Every structure is written in structure tokens, then in C-alpha cells.
N, C-alpha and C. Protein backbone atom coordinates (compact mmCIF):
# COMPACT_ATOMS: atom_id res chain seq x y z
N MET A 1 16.68 72.40 140.51
CA MET A 1 17.27 71.38 139.66
C MET A 1 18.51 70.80 140.36
N LYS A 2 18.60 69.50 140.37
CA LYS A 2 19.71 68.82 141.06
C LYS A 2 20.96 68.91 140.18
N PRO A 3 22.15 68.84 140.79
CA PRO A 3 23.39 68.98 140.03
C PRO A 3 23.51 68.02 138.86
N TRP A 4 23.13 66.74 139.03
CA TRP A 4 23.25 65.79 137.92
C TRP A 4 22.27 66.10 136.81
N GLU A 5 21.12 66.73 137.16
CA GLU A 5 20.18 67.13 136.12
C GLU A 5 20.74 68.29 135.29
N ARG A 6 21.38 69.24 135.98
CA ARG A 6 22.03 70.36 135.27
C ARG A 6 23.15 69.84 134.36
N ALA A 7 23.92 68.89 134.89
CA ALA A 7 25.04 68.33 134.10
C ALA A 7 24.50 67.60 132.87
N ALA A 8 23.45 66.81 133.06
CA ALA A 8 22.86 66.08 131.92
C ALA A 8 22.29 67.02 130.90
N LYS A 9 21.63 68.08 131.36
CA LYS A 9 21.06 69.06 130.44
C LYS A 9 22.18 69.76 129.66
N GLY A 10 23.25 70.12 130.37
CA GLY A 10 24.39 70.80 129.74
C GLY A 10 25.10 69.90 128.73
N ALA A 11 25.19 68.61 129.04
CA ALA A 11 25.88 67.68 128.17
C ALA A 11 25.16 67.54 126.83
N VAL A 12 23.86 67.61 126.85
CA VAL A 12 23.08 67.49 125.63
C VAL A 12 23.31 68.69 124.72
N GLN A 13 23.50 69.85 125.30
CA GLN A 13 23.61 71.07 124.52
C GLN A 13 25.03 71.37 124.07
N LYS A 14 26.03 70.72 124.64
CA LYS A 14 27.43 71.00 124.30
C LYS A 14 27.82 70.41 122.97
N LYS A 15 28.60 71.15 122.22
CA LYS A 15 29.16 70.63 120.98
C LYS A 15 30.49 69.97 121.32
N ASP A 16 31.00 69.22 120.38
CA ASP A 16 32.32 68.60 120.55
C ASP A 16 33.34 69.71 120.76
N PRO A 17 34.06 69.74 121.91
CA PRO A 17 34.98 70.81 122.20
C PRO A 17 36.28 70.72 121.39
N THR A 18 36.51 69.63 120.70
CA THR A 18 37.72 69.47 119.91
C THR A 18 37.67 70.42 118.72
N PRO A 19 38.69 71.26 118.58
CA PRO A 19 38.66 72.21 117.44
C PRO A 19 38.78 71.48 116.12
N ALA A 20 38.17 72.05 115.10
CA ALA A 20 38.25 71.46 113.76
C ALA A 20 39.68 71.54 113.23
N LEU A 21 40.08 70.50 112.51
CA LEU A 21 41.39 70.51 111.90
C LEU A 21 41.39 71.41 110.67
N SER A 22 42.50 72.13 110.46
CA SER A 22 42.62 72.92 109.25
C SER A 22 42.83 71.97 108.07
N VAL A 23 42.62 72.47 106.87
CA VAL A 23 42.84 71.65 105.67
C VAL A 23 44.30 71.19 105.65
N SER A 24 45.20 72.07 105.97
CA SER A 24 46.62 71.73 105.98
C SER A 24 46.88 70.54 106.92
N ASN A 25 46.29 70.57 108.12
CA ASN A 25 46.50 69.48 109.06
C ASN A 25 45.80 68.19 108.63
N GLN A 26 44.63 68.32 107.98
CA GLN A 26 43.96 67.13 107.46
C GLN A 26 44.84 66.46 106.40
N VAL A 27 45.40 67.25 105.50
CA VAL A 27 46.27 66.72 104.44
C VAL A 27 47.51 66.09 105.05
N LYS A 28 48.12 66.79 106.02
CA LYS A 28 49.33 66.24 106.68
C LYS A 28 49.01 64.91 107.36
N GLY A 29 47.88 64.84 108.05
CA GLY A 29 47.51 63.62 108.76
C GLY A 29 47.27 62.46 107.82
N ILE A 30 46.55 62.69 106.73
CA ILE A 30 46.26 61.60 105.79
C ILE A 30 47.54 61.22 105.04
N THR A 31 48.39 62.18 104.73
CA THR A 31 49.67 61.89 104.08
C THR A 31 50.53 61.01 104.98
N PHE A 32 50.61 61.33 106.27
CA PHE A 32 51.35 60.53 107.23
C PHE A 32 50.80 59.11 107.26
N LEU A 33 49.52 59.00 107.36
CA LEU A 33 48.84 57.70 107.39
C LEU A 33 49.18 56.87 106.16
N MET A 34 49.13 57.50 105.00
CA MET A 34 49.41 56.77 103.74
C MET A 34 50.89 56.41 103.62
N GLU A 35 51.79 57.29 104.05
CA GLU A 35 53.21 56.99 103.96
C GLU A 35 53.58 55.79 104.82
N LYS A 36 52.96 55.68 105.99
CA LYS A 36 53.27 54.59 106.92
C LYS A 36 52.65 53.27 106.53
N THR A 37 51.69 53.30 105.63
CA THR A 37 50.96 52.09 105.27
C THR A 37 50.80 51.96 103.76
N GLN A 38 51.88 52.21 103.01
CA GLN A 38 51.79 52.19 101.54
C GLN A 38 51.33 50.84 100.98
N ALA A 39 51.74 49.73 101.60
CA ALA A 39 51.34 48.40 101.10
C ALA A 39 49.83 48.25 101.15
N TYR A 40 49.22 48.74 102.22
CA TYR A 40 47.77 48.66 102.38
C TYR A 40 47.07 49.43 101.27
N TRP A 41 47.53 50.66 101.01
CA TRP A 41 46.91 51.51 100.00
C TRP A 41 47.16 51.00 98.60
N SER A 42 48.34 50.41 98.38
CA SER A 42 48.66 49.82 97.09
C SER A 42 47.72 48.64 96.79
N GLU A 43 47.47 47.81 97.81
CA GLU A 43 46.56 46.68 97.65
C GLU A 43 45.14 47.15 97.34
N LEU A 44 44.70 48.19 98.04
CA LEU A 44 43.38 48.77 97.80
C LEU A 44 43.31 49.35 96.38
N GLY A 45 44.39 50.02 95.95
CA GLY A 45 44.45 50.63 94.64
C GLY A 45 44.46 49.63 93.49
N LYS A 46 44.95 48.41 93.76
CA LYS A 46 44.93 47.38 92.74
C LYS A 46 43.49 46.94 92.44
N LYS A 47 42.63 47.01 93.42
CA LYS A 47 41.24 46.63 93.25
C LYS A 47 40.50 47.68 92.43
N LYS A 48 40.73 48.94 92.76
CA LYS A 48 40.04 50.02 92.07
C LYS A 48 40.76 51.34 92.33
N ARG A 49 41.08 52.06 91.26
CA ARG A 49 41.70 53.39 91.39
C ARG A 49 40.64 54.37 91.88
N ILE A 50 41.00 55.16 92.88
CA ILE A 50 40.07 56.16 93.44
C ILE A 50 40.80 57.50 93.47
N VAL A 51 40.13 58.54 92.96
CA VAL A 51 40.62 59.90 93.14
C VAL A 51 39.45 60.66 93.73
N ALA A 52 39.54 60.93 95.03
CA ALA A 52 38.48 61.63 95.75
C ALA A 52 38.87 63.08 95.94
N GLN A 53 38.09 63.96 95.35
CA GLN A 53 38.32 65.40 95.43
C GLN A 53 37.46 65.96 96.57
N PHE A 54 38.06 66.76 97.44
CA PHE A 54 37.35 67.44 98.53
C PHE A 54 37.32 68.92 98.23
N LEU A 55 36.13 69.45 98.00
CA LEU A 55 35.96 70.86 97.63
C LEU A 55 35.23 71.62 98.73
N VAL A 56 35.71 72.84 98.97
CA VAL A 56 35.02 73.75 99.87
C VAL A 56 34.55 74.92 99.01
N PRO A 57 33.22 75.07 98.84
CA PRO A 57 32.70 76.14 97.97
C PRO A 57 33.26 77.50 98.35
N ASN A 58 33.60 78.27 97.33
CA ASN A 58 34.10 79.66 97.51
C ASN A 58 35.41 79.73 98.29
N ASP A 59 36.16 78.64 98.36
CA ASP A 59 37.44 78.66 99.07
C ASP A 59 38.44 77.71 98.38
N PRO A 60 38.96 78.11 97.22
CA PRO A 60 39.86 77.21 96.47
C PRO A 60 41.09 76.78 97.27
N ALA A 61 41.54 77.59 98.22
CA ALA A 61 42.72 77.24 99.01
C ALA A 61 42.44 76.05 99.95
N SER A 62 41.17 75.74 100.17
CA SER A 62 40.81 74.64 101.07
C SER A 62 40.47 73.35 100.31
N CYS A 63 40.82 73.29 99.04
CA CYS A 63 40.54 72.10 98.23
C CYS A 63 41.72 71.15 98.30
N TRP A 64 41.41 69.85 98.35
CA TRP A 64 42.46 68.82 98.39
C TRP A 64 41.89 67.54 97.85
N TYR A 65 42.78 66.56 97.61
CA TYR A 65 42.31 65.29 97.07
C TYR A 65 43.14 64.13 97.64
N VAL A 66 42.57 62.95 97.53
CA VAL A 66 43.23 61.69 97.89
C VAL A 66 43.21 60.82 96.65
N GLU A 67 44.36 60.27 96.30
CA GLU A 67 44.46 59.38 95.16
C GLU A 67 44.99 58.03 95.61
N VAL A 68 44.27 56.97 95.26
CA VAL A 68 44.67 55.61 95.61
C VAL A 68 44.77 54.82 94.32
N ASP A 69 45.95 54.25 94.07
CA ASP A 69 46.16 53.43 92.88
C ASP A 69 47.15 52.32 93.23
N PRO A 70 47.55 51.47 92.26
CA PRO A 70 48.44 50.37 92.59
C PRO A 70 49.80 50.79 93.19
N LYS A 71 50.20 52.03 92.98
CA LYS A 71 51.47 52.53 93.56
C LYS A 71 51.31 52.85 95.04
N GLY A 72 50.08 53.02 95.52
CA GLY A 72 49.84 53.35 96.93
C GLY A 72 48.85 54.49 97.06
N GLY A 73 49.03 55.28 98.11
CA GLY A 73 48.11 56.39 98.35
C GLY A 73 48.84 57.73 98.38
N LYS A 74 48.13 58.74 98.00
CA LYS A 74 48.70 60.10 97.96
C LYS A 74 47.62 61.08 98.36
N CYS A 75 48.01 62.09 99.10
CA CYS A 75 47.09 63.16 99.50
C CYS A 75 47.78 64.48 99.22
N ALA A 76 47.09 65.41 98.57
CA ALA A 76 47.70 66.68 98.22
C ALA A 76 46.65 67.81 98.19
N THR A 77 47.12 69.03 98.38
CA THR A 77 46.21 70.16 98.26
C THR A 77 46.01 70.47 96.78
N GLY A 78 44.92 71.15 96.50
CA GLY A 78 44.64 71.56 95.14
C GLY A 78 43.47 70.82 94.52
N VAL A 79 43.31 70.99 93.22
CA VAL A 79 42.22 70.36 92.48
C VAL A 79 42.81 69.36 91.51
N HIS A 80 42.34 68.12 91.56
CA HIS A 80 42.82 67.07 90.65
C HIS A 80 42.13 67.23 89.30
N ALA A 81 42.86 66.91 88.22
CA ALA A 81 42.31 67.08 86.87
C ALA A 81 41.16 66.13 86.55
N SER A 82 41.17 64.92 87.14
CA SER A 82 40.12 63.95 86.80
C SER A 82 39.70 63.11 88.02
N PRO A 83 38.99 63.71 88.96
CA PRO A 83 38.54 62.94 90.11
C PRO A 83 37.47 61.92 89.70
N THR A 84 37.43 60.80 90.43
CA THR A 84 36.41 59.78 90.19
C THR A 84 35.18 60.03 91.07
N VAL A 85 35.38 60.76 92.15
CA VAL A 85 34.27 61.12 93.06
C VAL A 85 34.63 62.46 93.73
N THR A 86 33.63 63.29 93.95
CA THR A 86 33.85 64.62 94.54
C THR A 86 32.96 64.82 95.75
N TRP A 87 33.56 65.29 96.82
CA TRP A 87 32.89 65.64 98.08
C TRP A 87 32.88 67.15 98.16
N GLU A 88 31.71 67.73 98.39
CA GLU A 88 31.62 69.21 98.50
C GLU A 88 30.90 69.53 99.79
N SER A 89 31.54 70.32 100.64
CA SER A 89 30.92 70.75 101.90
C SER A 89 31.76 71.88 102.50
N ASP A 90 31.24 72.46 103.58
CA ASP A 90 32.03 73.44 104.29
C ASP A 90 33.05 72.70 105.17
N LEU A 91 34.01 73.42 105.73
CA LEU A 91 35.07 72.78 106.51
C LEU A 91 34.54 72.07 107.75
N GLU A 92 33.54 72.64 108.40
CA GLU A 92 33.00 72.00 109.61
C GLU A 92 32.38 70.64 109.29
N ALA A 93 31.63 70.57 108.21
CA ALA A 93 31.00 69.30 107.82
C ALA A 93 32.05 68.27 107.41
N MET A 94 33.09 68.75 106.74
CA MET A 94 34.17 67.83 106.32
C MET A 94 34.90 67.28 107.53
N ASP A 95 35.23 68.15 108.47
CA ASP A 95 35.91 67.73 109.69
C ASP A 95 35.05 66.75 110.48
N SER A 96 33.76 67.05 110.57
CA SER A 96 32.82 66.18 111.28
C SER A 96 32.79 64.78 110.66
N ALA A 97 32.81 64.71 109.33
CA ALA A 97 32.79 63.41 108.66
C ALA A 97 34.01 62.59 108.99
N PHE A 98 35.18 63.25 109.05
CA PHE A 98 36.38 62.50 109.39
C PHE A 98 36.40 62.07 110.85
N ARG A 99 35.57 62.67 111.66
CA ARG A 99 35.44 62.23 113.04
C ARG A 99 34.33 61.21 113.21
N GLY A 100 33.66 60.86 112.09
CA GLY A 100 32.67 59.79 112.13
C GLY A 100 31.23 60.23 112.13
N SER A 101 30.93 61.50 111.87
CA SER A 101 29.55 61.98 111.92
C SER A 101 29.26 62.87 110.72
N ILE A 102 28.32 62.46 109.88
CA ILE A 102 27.93 63.24 108.71
C ILE A 102 26.86 64.27 109.13
N LEU A 103 27.01 65.51 108.74
CA LEU A 103 26.02 66.55 109.04
C LEU A 103 25.02 66.58 107.89
N PRO A 104 23.78 66.16 108.15
CA PRO A 104 22.77 66.06 107.08
C PRO A 104 22.54 67.41 106.38
N GLY A 105 22.41 67.32 105.06
CA GLY A 105 22.10 68.50 104.26
C GLY A 105 23.28 69.42 103.98
N ARG A 106 24.48 69.07 104.47
CA ARG A 106 25.63 69.96 104.29
C ARG A 106 26.73 69.33 103.45
N VAL A 107 26.43 68.18 102.88
CA VAL A 107 27.44 67.46 102.07
C VAL A 107 26.81 67.09 100.72
N LYS A 108 27.59 67.30 99.66
CA LYS A 108 27.15 66.89 98.32
C LYS A 108 28.24 66.00 97.75
N VAL A 109 27.87 64.77 97.37
CA VAL A 109 28.81 63.86 96.78
C VAL A 109 28.40 63.64 95.30
N THR A 110 29.35 63.88 94.40
CA THR A 110 29.11 63.69 92.96
C THR A 110 30.00 62.54 92.49
N GLY A 111 29.42 61.65 91.74
CA GLY A 111 30.18 60.47 91.32
C GLY A 111 29.74 59.25 92.09
N ASP A 112 30.62 58.28 92.21
CA ASP A 112 30.31 57.02 92.86
C ASP A 112 30.39 57.16 94.38
N PHE A 113 29.22 57.24 95.02
CA PHE A 113 29.15 57.40 96.47
C PHE A 113 29.85 56.25 97.18
N GLU A 114 29.73 55.04 96.61
CA GLU A 114 30.36 53.86 97.24
C GLU A 114 31.88 54.00 97.28
N GLU A 115 32.46 54.67 96.27
CA GLU A 115 33.90 54.95 96.29
C GLU A 115 34.27 55.80 97.47
N MET A 116 33.49 56.85 97.70
CA MET A 116 33.77 57.75 98.82
C MET A 116 33.63 56.97 100.13
N ARG A 117 32.58 56.20 100.23
CA ARG A 117 32.34 55.41 101.45
C ARG A 117 33.48 54.43 101.69
N SER A 118 33.95 53.76 100.62
CA SER A 118 35.03 52.81 100.78
C SER A 118 36.34 53.52 101.19
N LEU A 119 36.54 54.74 100.70
CA LEU A 119 37.73 55.50 101.12
C LEU A 119 37.68 55.84 102.59
N PHE A 120 36.53 56.33 103.06
CA PHE A 120 36.39 56.65 104.49
C PHE A 120 36.59 55.40 105.34
N LYS A 121 36.02 54.28 104.88
CA LYS A 121 36.16 53.02 105.64
C LYS A 121 37.64 52.59 105.66
N ALA A 122 38.32 52.76 104.55
CA ALA A 122 39.73 52.37 104.47
C ALA A 122 40.60 53.23 105.39
N ILE A 123 40.31 54.52 105.42
CA ILE A 123 41.06 55.43 106.32
C ILE A 123 40.82 55.04 107.76
N ALA A 124 39.56 54.76 108.10
CA ALA A 124 39.22 54.38 109.48
C ALA A 124 39.84 53.04 109.87
N ALA A 125 40.01 52.13 108.92
CA ALA A 125 40.50 50.80 109.22
C ALA A 125 42.03 50.71 109.23
N THR A 126 42.70 51.75 108.77
CA THR A 126 44.16 51.73 108.68
C THR A 126 44.80 51.66 110.06
N GLN A 127 45.70 50.72 110.20
CA GLN A 127 46.46 50.56 111.44
C GLN A 127 47.90 50.92 111.16
N ILE A 128 48.46 51.85 111.95
CA ILE A 128 49.84 52.25 111.77
C ILE A 128 50.71 51.44 112.73
N PRO A 129 51.67 50.67 112.21
CA PRO A 129 52.53 49.88 113.08
C PRO A 129 53.28 50.78 114.08
N GLY A 130 53.31 50.38 115.32
CA GLY A 130 54.03 51.11 116.35
C GLY A 130 53.26 52.22 117.03
N LEU A 131 52.04 52.51 116.55
CA LEU A 131 51.24 53.57 117.20
C LEU A 131 50.09 52.98 117.95
């Protein structure tokens, strides 16, 4: 086998070497994003209030939520009293989704799927001034 054939074969089998973000780091990252772009989130929240709950089965410490309303955006650990949409998956599938790839069969969305999709699109589209 030629070197480039071995490299190509190895590339297909390798997983993303980037380690998964912890829940704490995901929350910190989204909080930073929302703090730097409050006007953007406030405008989005005026159109429709979203409370997206992220649940990890059998791991209450890994639960967190994102709330978008006319005041702006907020991200916090814990369980929200009245989410409008709920995402349930293991941490690997959740991390993969935030990197742009959904793992089939490992995610359950309850509520308005379009709300969850619009939240992911909004996070991806956010531009932080100066970065």
C-alpha cells in the first residue's frame, strides 16, 4: 500500500480529535456570545420567545438551558420551569450538534423543532465585534 493510500484510509477512520466541551464550558461559551451581542438576541426575542432546555438523561448536573426574549439572551445551568422546546441527548451528541453535525438516532427533540433549529442557526450566525 502506498503512503497516500494509507493516509487516505486512516483519514476516513479517524474521529474529530477535538475534545468535547464540558457542559460548563458550553454554558460559558454561549453566555459570552450572548453578553457580547445582546442587541441581536433582544431583536430575535422580540419575534418569538424561546426557552430551549438541554437535557442529558441520568445526569441532572449536565442540564442547561438557553432563554431568548425581548430583554436579550441568557444561558444557565439547571432545568427551566417552562421550556418551549427540549433537546435530549448524551454529551457527545450535544457537542457534535454544536460543531455542526447531528448524530442520527441519538437526539430527541420535544416541542417545536423549528424553534430549536432557529436557535442553532442564530448561534451559528452570531458575529462578535472585534473577534
